[in-house]
Amino acid sequence: MAVRTAGGNTEQLGFHLGRAVDNGVTQEELIEAITHVTIYAGWPKGMAAMGVAKQLFIDNK
């Protein structure tokens, strides 16, 4: 997930975030991980990843 975020691979990120959730990672933990990667990878990539995560959370309600 961190590598997909840092590389800006948002088209594949949804799958990986979904698997993380399936394996017990919480919404808060995903947001924390993406925020941490954003510091190193840059704001545009981090915010793109947050958009993918937000859509995942909406779809899984």
PDB file of N, CA and C in Angstrom:
ATOM      1  N   MET A   1       0.814  -1.181   0.000  1.00  0.00           N
ATOM      2  CA  MET A   1       0.000   0.000   0.000  1.00  0.00           C
ATOM      3  C   MET A   1       0.865   1.255   0.000  1.00  0.00           C
ATOM      4  N   ALA A   2       1.882   1.267   0.818  1.00  0.00           N
ATOM      5  CA  ALA A   2       2.767   2.434   0.886  1.00  0.00           C
ATOM      6  C   ALA A   2       3.481   2.653  -0.440  1.00  0.00           C
ATOM      7  N   VAL A   3       3.920   1.577  -1.074  1.00  0.00           N
ATOM      8  CA  VAL A   3       4.629   1.699  -2.357  1.00  0.00           C
ATOM      9  C   VAL A   3       3.687   2.217  -3.430  1.00  0.00           C
ATOM     10  N   ARG A   4       2.453   1.729  -3.459  1.00  0.00           N
ATOM     11  CA  ARG A   4       1.470   2.211  -4.444  1.00  0.00           C
ATOM     12  C   ARG A   4       1.188   3.696  -4.229  1.00  0.00           C
ATOM     13  N   THR A   5       1.072   4.098  -2.975  1.00  0.00           N
ATOM     14  CA  THR A   5       0.824   5.510  -2.672  1.00  0.00           C
ATOM     15  C   THR A   5       2.013   6.368  -3.101  1.00  0.00           C
ATOM     16  N   ALA A   6       3.209   5.974  -2.700  1.00  0.00           N
ATOM     17  CA  ALA A   6       4.408   6.757  -3.011  1.00  0.00           C
ATOM     18  C   ALA A   6       4.656   6.835  -4.505  1.00  0.00           C
ATOM     19  N   GLY A   7       4.303   5.781  -5.227  1.00  0.00           N
ATOM     20  CA  GLY A   7       4.497   5.765  -6.678  1.00  0.00           C
ATOM     21  C   GLY A   7       3.380   6.435  -7.448  1.00  0.00           C
ATOM     22  N   GLY A   8       2.312   6.812  -6.750  1.00  0.00           N
ATOM     23  CA  GLY A   8       1.177   7.447  -7.411  1.00  0.00           C
ATOM     24  C   GLY A   8       0.326   6.475  -8.211  1.00  0.00           C
ATOM     25  N   ASN A   9       0.385   5.196  -7.870  1.00  0.00           N
ATOM     26  CA  ASN A   9      -0.361   4.160  -8.593  1.00  0.00           C
ATOM     27  C   ASN A   9      -1.773   4.016  -8.037  1.00  0.00           C
ATOM     28  N   THR A  10      -2.574   5.060  -8.171  1.00  0.00           N
ATOM     29  CA  THR A  10      -3.912   5.047  -7.583  1.00  0.00           C
ATOM     30  C   THR A  10      -4.850   4.059  -8.265  1.00  0.00           C
ATOM     31  N   GLU A  11      -4.587   3.710  -9.524  1.00  0.00           N
ATOM     32  CA  GLU A  11      -5.464   2.761 -10.209  1.00  0.00           C
ATOM     33  C   GLU A  11      -5.392   1.367  -9.580  1.00  0.00           C
ATOM     34  N   GLN A  12      -4.310   1.052  -8.918  1.00  0.00           N
ATOM     35  CA  GLN A  12      -4.156  -0.237  -8.244  1.00  0.00           C
ATOM     36  C   GLN A  12      -4.328  -0.126  -6.731  1.00  0.00           C
ATOM     37  N   LEU A  13      -4.325   1.069  -6.220  1.00  0.00           N
ATOM     38  CA  LEU A  13      -4.365   1.281  -4.778  1.00  0.00           C
ATOM     39  C   LEU A  13      -5.671   0.795  -4.153  1.00  0.00           C
ATOM     40  N   GLY A  14      -6.775   0.988  -4.833  1.00  0.00           N
ATOM     41  CA  GLY A  14      -8.065   0.560  -4.291  1.00  0.00           C
ATOM     42  C   GLY A  14      -8.078  -0.919  -3.937  1.00  0.00           C
ATOM     43  N   PHE A  15      -7.516  -1.740  -4.799  1.00  0.00           N
ATOM     44  CA  PHE A  15      -7.435  -3.174  -4.542  1.00  0.00           C
ATOM     45  C   PHE A  15      -6.643  -3.444  -3.269  1.00  0.00           C
ATOM     46  N   HIS A  16      -5.494  -2.812  -3.146  1.00  0.00           N
ATOM     47  CA  HIS A  16      -4.621  -3.052  -2.001  1.00  0.00           C
ATOM     48  C   HIS A  16      -5.223  -2.523  -0.694  1.00  0.00           C
ATOM     49  N   LEU A  17      -5.881  -1.396  -0.755  1.00  0.00           N
ATOM     50  CA  LEU A  17      -6.558  -0.881   0.434  1.00  0.00           C
ATOM     51  C   LEU A  17      -7.682  -1.822   0.848  1.00  0.00           C
ATOM     52  N   GLY A  18      -8.412  -2.326  -0.127  1.00  0.00           N
ATOM     53  CA  GLY A  18      -9.484  -3.272   0.163  1.00  0.00           C
ATOM     54  C   GLY A  18      -8.978  -4.535   0.829  1.00  0.00           C
ATOM     55  N   ARG A  19      -7.849  -5.044   0.357  1.00  0.00           N
ATOM     56  CA  ARG A  19      -7.273  -6.237   0.984  1.00  0.00           C
ATOM     57  C   ARG A  19      -6.795  -5.937   2.390  1.00  0.00           C
ATOM     58  N   ALA A  20      -6.258  -4.731   2.599  1.00  0.00           N
ATOM     59  CA  ALA A  20      -5.823  -4.347   3.943  1.00  0.00           C
ATOM     60  C   ALA A  20      -7.019  -4.353   4.897  1.00  0.00           C
ATOM     61  N   VAL A  21      -8.138  -3.798   4.455  1.00  0.00           N
ATOM     62  CA  VAL A  21      -9.352  -3.783   5.280  1.00  0.00           C
ATOM     63  C   VAL A  21      -9.824  -5.212   5.540  1.00  0.00           C
ATOM     64  N   ASP A  22      -9.804  -6.044   4.515  1.00  0.00           N
ATOM     65  CA  ASP A  22     -10.201  -7.452   4.674  1.00  0.00           C
ATOM     66  C   ASP A  22      -9.335  -8.173   5.701  1.00  0.00           C
ATOM     67  N   ASN A  23      -8.099  -7.720   5.860  1.00  0.00           N
ATOM     68  CA  ASN A  23      -7.165  -8.339   6.799  1.00  0.00           C
ATOM     69  C   ASN A  23      -7.146  -7.660   8.166  1.00  0.00           C
ATOM     70  N   GLY A  24      -8.105  -6.754   8.402  1.00  0.00           N
ATOM     71  CA  GLY A  24      -8.264  -6.182   9.733  1.00  0.00           C
ATOM     72  C   GLY A  24      -7.683  -4.806   9.966  1.00  0.00           C
ATOM     73  N   VAL A  25      -7.130  -4.184   8.940  1.00  0.00           N
ATOM     74  CA  VAL A  25      -6.606  -2.825   9.107  1.00  0.00           C
ATOM     75  C   VAL A  25      -7.801  -1.872   9.204  1.00  0.00           C
ATOM     76  N   THR A  26      -7.782  -0.999  10.183  1.00  0.00           N
ATOM     77  CA  THR A  26      -8.900  -0.082  10.391  1.00  0.00           C
ATOM     78  C   THR A  26      -8.788   1.151   9.492  1.00  0.00           C
ATOM     79  N   GLN A  27      -9.898   1.861   9.385  1.00  0.00           N
ATOM     80  CA  GLN A  27      -9.913   3.102   8.610  1.00  0.00           C
ATOM     81  C   GLN A  27      -8.890   4.090   9.166  1.00  0.00           C
ATOM     82  N   GLU A  28      -8.818   4.189  10.471  1.00  0.00           N
ATOM     83  CA  GLU A  28      -7.871   5.116  11.100  1.00  0.00           C
ATOM     84  C   GLU A  28      -6.431   4.729  10.780  1.00  0.00           C
ATOM     85  N   GLU A  29      -6.135   3.436  10.789  1.00  0.00           N
ATOM     86  CA  GLU A  29      -4.783   2.980  10.474  1.00  0.00           C
ATOM     87  C   GLU A  29      -4.415   3.259   9.016  1.00  0.00           C
ATOM     88  N   LEU A  30      -5.372   3.089   8.108  1.00  0.00           N
ATOM     89  CA  LEU A  30      -5.104   3.398   6.694  1.00  0.00           C
ATOM     90  C   LEU A  30      -4.822   4.882   6.503  1.00  0.00           C
ATOM     91  N   ILE A  31      -5.624   5.713   7.131  1.00  0.00           N
ATOM     92  CA  ILE A  31      -5.417   7.162   7.030  1.00  0.00           C
ATOM     93  C   ILE A  31      -4.056   7.546   7.602  1.00  0.00           C
ATOM     94  N   GLU A  32      -3.706   6.947   8.727  1.00  0.00           N
ATOM     95  CA  GLU A  32      -2.404   7.227   9.343  1.00  0.00           C
ATOM     96  C   GLU A  32      -1.254   6.824   8.415  1.00  0.00           C
ATOM     97  N   ALA A  33      -1.364   5.659   7.804  1.00  0.00           N
ATOM     98  CA  ALA A  33      -0.311   5.179   6.901  1.00  0.00           C
ATOM     99  C   ALA A  33      -0.182   6.085   5.680  1.00  0.00           C
ATOM    100  N   ILE A  34      -1.307   6.464   5.094  1.00  0.00           N
ATOM    101  CA  ILE A  34      -1.269   7.343   3.917  1.00  0.00           C
ATOM    102  C   ILE A  34      -0.693   8.704   4.301  1.00  0.00           C
ATOM    103  N   THR A  35      -1.087   9.227   5.448  1.00  0.00           N
ATOM    104  CA  THR A  35      -0.552  10.509   5.914  1.00  0.00           C
ATOM    105  C   THR A  35       0.961  10.440   6.076  1.00  0.00           C
ATOM    106  N   HIS A  36       1.435   9.360   6.654  1.00  0.00           N
ATOM    107  CA  HIS A  36       2.873   9.195   6.852  1.00  0.00           C
ATOM    108  C   HIS A  36       3.605   9.156   5.507  1.00  0.00           C
ATOM    109  N   VAL A  37       3.081   8.410   4.552  1.00  0.00           N
ATOM    110  CA  VAL A  37       3.714   8.315   3.229  1.00  0.00           C
ATOM    111  C   VAL A  37       3.679   9.670   2.522  1.00  0.00           C
ATOM    112  N   THR A  38       2.617  10.435   2.746  1.00  0.00           N
ATOM    113  CA  THR A  38       2.473  11.745   2.094  1.00  0.00           C
ATOM    114  C   THR A  38       3.640  12.665   2.438  1.00  0.00           C
ATOM    115  N   ILE A  39       4.132  12.567   3.658  1.00  0.00           N
ATOM    116  CA  ILE A  39       5.256  13.411   4.080  1.00  0.00           C
ATOM    117  C   ILE A  39       6.472  13.173   3.188  1.00  0.00           C
ATOM    118  N   TYR A  40       6.674  11.935   2.791  1.00  0.00           N
ATOM    119  CA  TYR A  40       7.842  11.576   1.989  1.00  0.00           C
ATOM    120  C   TYR A  40       7.578  11.622   0.485  1.00  0.00           C
ATOM    121  N   ALA A  41       6.378  11.241   0.072  1.00  0.00           N
ATOM    122  CA  ALA A  41       6.078  11.115  -1.360  1.00  0.00           C
ATOM    123  C   ALA A  41       5.553  12.395  -1.974  1.00  0.00           C
ATOM    124  N   GLY A  42       5.052  13.291  -1.141  1.00  0.00           N
ATOM    125  CA  GLY A  42       4.520  14.549  -1.638  1.00  0.00           C
ATOM    126  C   GLY A  42       3.011  14.633  -1.523  1.00  0.00           C
ATOM    127  N   TRP A  43       2.565  15.869  -1.401  1.00  0.00           N
ATOM    128  CA  TRP A  43       1.147  16.156  -1.195  1.00  0.00           C
ATOM    129  C   TRP A  43       0.254  15.628  -2.316  1.00  0.00           C
ATOM    130  N   PRO A  44       0.551  15.842  -3.589  1.00  0.00           N
ATOM    131  CA  PRO A  44      -0.355  15.368  -4.648  1.00  0.00           C
ATOM    132  C   PRO A  44      -0.586  13.851  -4.604  1.00  0.00           C
ATOM    133  N   LYS A  45       0.462  13.084  -4.402  1.00  0.00           N
ATOM    134  CA  LYS A  45       0.308  11.625  -4.351  1.00  0.00           C
ATOM    135  C   LYS A  45      -0.473  11.206  -3.106  1.00  0.00           C
ATOM    136  N   GLY A  46      -0.198  11.840  -2.002  1.00  0.00           N
ATOM    137  CA  GLY A  46      -0.921  11.525  -0.773  1.00  0.00           C
ATOM    138  C   GLY A  46      -2.395  11.851  -0.859  1.00  0.00           C
ATOM    139  N   MET A  47      -2.712  12.995  -1.418  1.00  0.00           N
ATOM    140  CA  MET A  47      -4.116  13.382  -1.527  1.00  0.00           C
ATOM    141  C   MET A  47      -4.861  12.515  -2.547  1.00  0.00           C
ATOM    142  N   ALA A  48      -4.165  12.091  -3.596  1.00  0.00           N
ATOM    143  CA  ALA A  48      -4.780  11.159  -4.549  1.00  0.00           C
ATOM    144  C   ALA A  48      -5.096   9.838  -3.848  1.00  0.00           C
ATOM    145  N   ALA A  49      -4.179   9.373  -3.007  1.00  0.00           N
ATOM    146  CA  ALA A  49      -4.411   8.140  -2.253  1.00  0.00           C
ATOM    147  C   ALA A  49      -5.556   8.305  -1.264  1.00  0.00           C
ATOM    148  N   MET A  50      -5.651   9.470  -0.634  1.00  0.00           N
ATOM    149  CA  MET A  50      -6.760   9.720   0.297  1.00  0.00           C
ATOM    150  C   MET A  50      -8.099   9.674  -0.431  1.00  0.00           C
ATOM    151  N   GLY A  51      -8.126  10.167  -1.665  1.00  0.00           N
ATOM    152  CA  GLY A  51      -9.352  10.104  -2.457  1.00  0.00           C
ATOM    153  C   GLY A  51      -9.778   8.667  -2.727  1.00  0.00           C
ATOM    154  N   VAL A  52      -8.815   7.814  -3.022  1.00  0.00           N
ATOM    155  CA  VAL A  52      -9.106   6.396  -3.246  1.00  0.00           C
ATOM    156  C   VAL A  52      -9.608   5.763  -1.954  1.00  0.00           C
ATOM    157  N   ALA A  53      -8.953   6.075  -0.845  1.00  0.00           N
ATOM    158  CA  ALA A  53      -9.366   5.533   0.446  1.00  0.00           C
ATOM    159  C   ALA A  53     -10.761   6.007   0.812  1.00  0.00           C
ATOM    160  N   LYS A  54     -11.037   7.270   0.593  1.00  0.00           N
ATOM    161  CA  LYS A  54     -12.363   7.825   0.905  1.00  0.00           C
ATOM    162  C   LYS A  54     -13.441   7.091   0.114  1.00  0.00           C
ATOM    163  N   GLN A  55     -13.198   6.854  -1.149  1.00  0.00           N
ATOM    164  CA  GLN A  55     -14.168   6.123  -1.975  1.00  0.00           C
ATOM    165  C   GLN A  55     -14.371   4.703  -1.455  1.00  0.00           C
ATOM    166  N   LEU A  56     -13.304   4.062  -1.031  1.00  0.00           N
ATOM    167  CA  LEU A  56     -13.391   2.716  -0.461  1.00  0.00           C
ATOM    168  C   LEU A  56     -14.261   2.725   0.792  1.00  0.00           C
ATOM    169  N   PHE A  57     -14.072   3.721   1.656  1.00  0.00           N
ATOM    170  CA  PHE A  57     -14.847   3.799   2.886  1.00  0.00           C
ATOM    171  C   PHE A  57     -16.320   4.053   2.583  1.00  0.00           C
ATOM    172  N   ILE A  58     -16.608   4.874   1.584  1.00  0.00           N
ATOM    173  CA  ILE A  58     -17.994   5.143   1.187  1.00  0.00           C
ATOM    174  C   ILE A  58     -18.631   3.878   0.621  1.00  0.00           C
ATOM    175  N   ASP A  59     -17.902   3.174  -0.229  1.00  0.00           N
ATOM    176  CA  ASP A  59     -18.436   1.968  -0.863  1.00  0.00           C
ATOM    177  C   ASP A  59     -18.666   0.835   0.121  1.00  0.00           C
ATOM    178  N   ASN A  60     -17.906   0.807   1.209  1.00  0.00           N
ATOM    179  CA  ASN A  60     -18.014  -0.285   2.190  1.00  0.00           C
ATOM    180  C   ASN A  60     -18.985   0.007   3.328  1.00  0.00           C
ATOM    181  N   LYS A  61     -19.711   1.118   3.256  1.00  0.00           N
ATOM    182  CA  LYS A  61     -20.689   1.436   4.320  1.00  0.00           C
ATOM    183  C   LYS A  61     -21.924   0.586   4.174  1.00  0.00           C
TER     184      LYS A  61
END
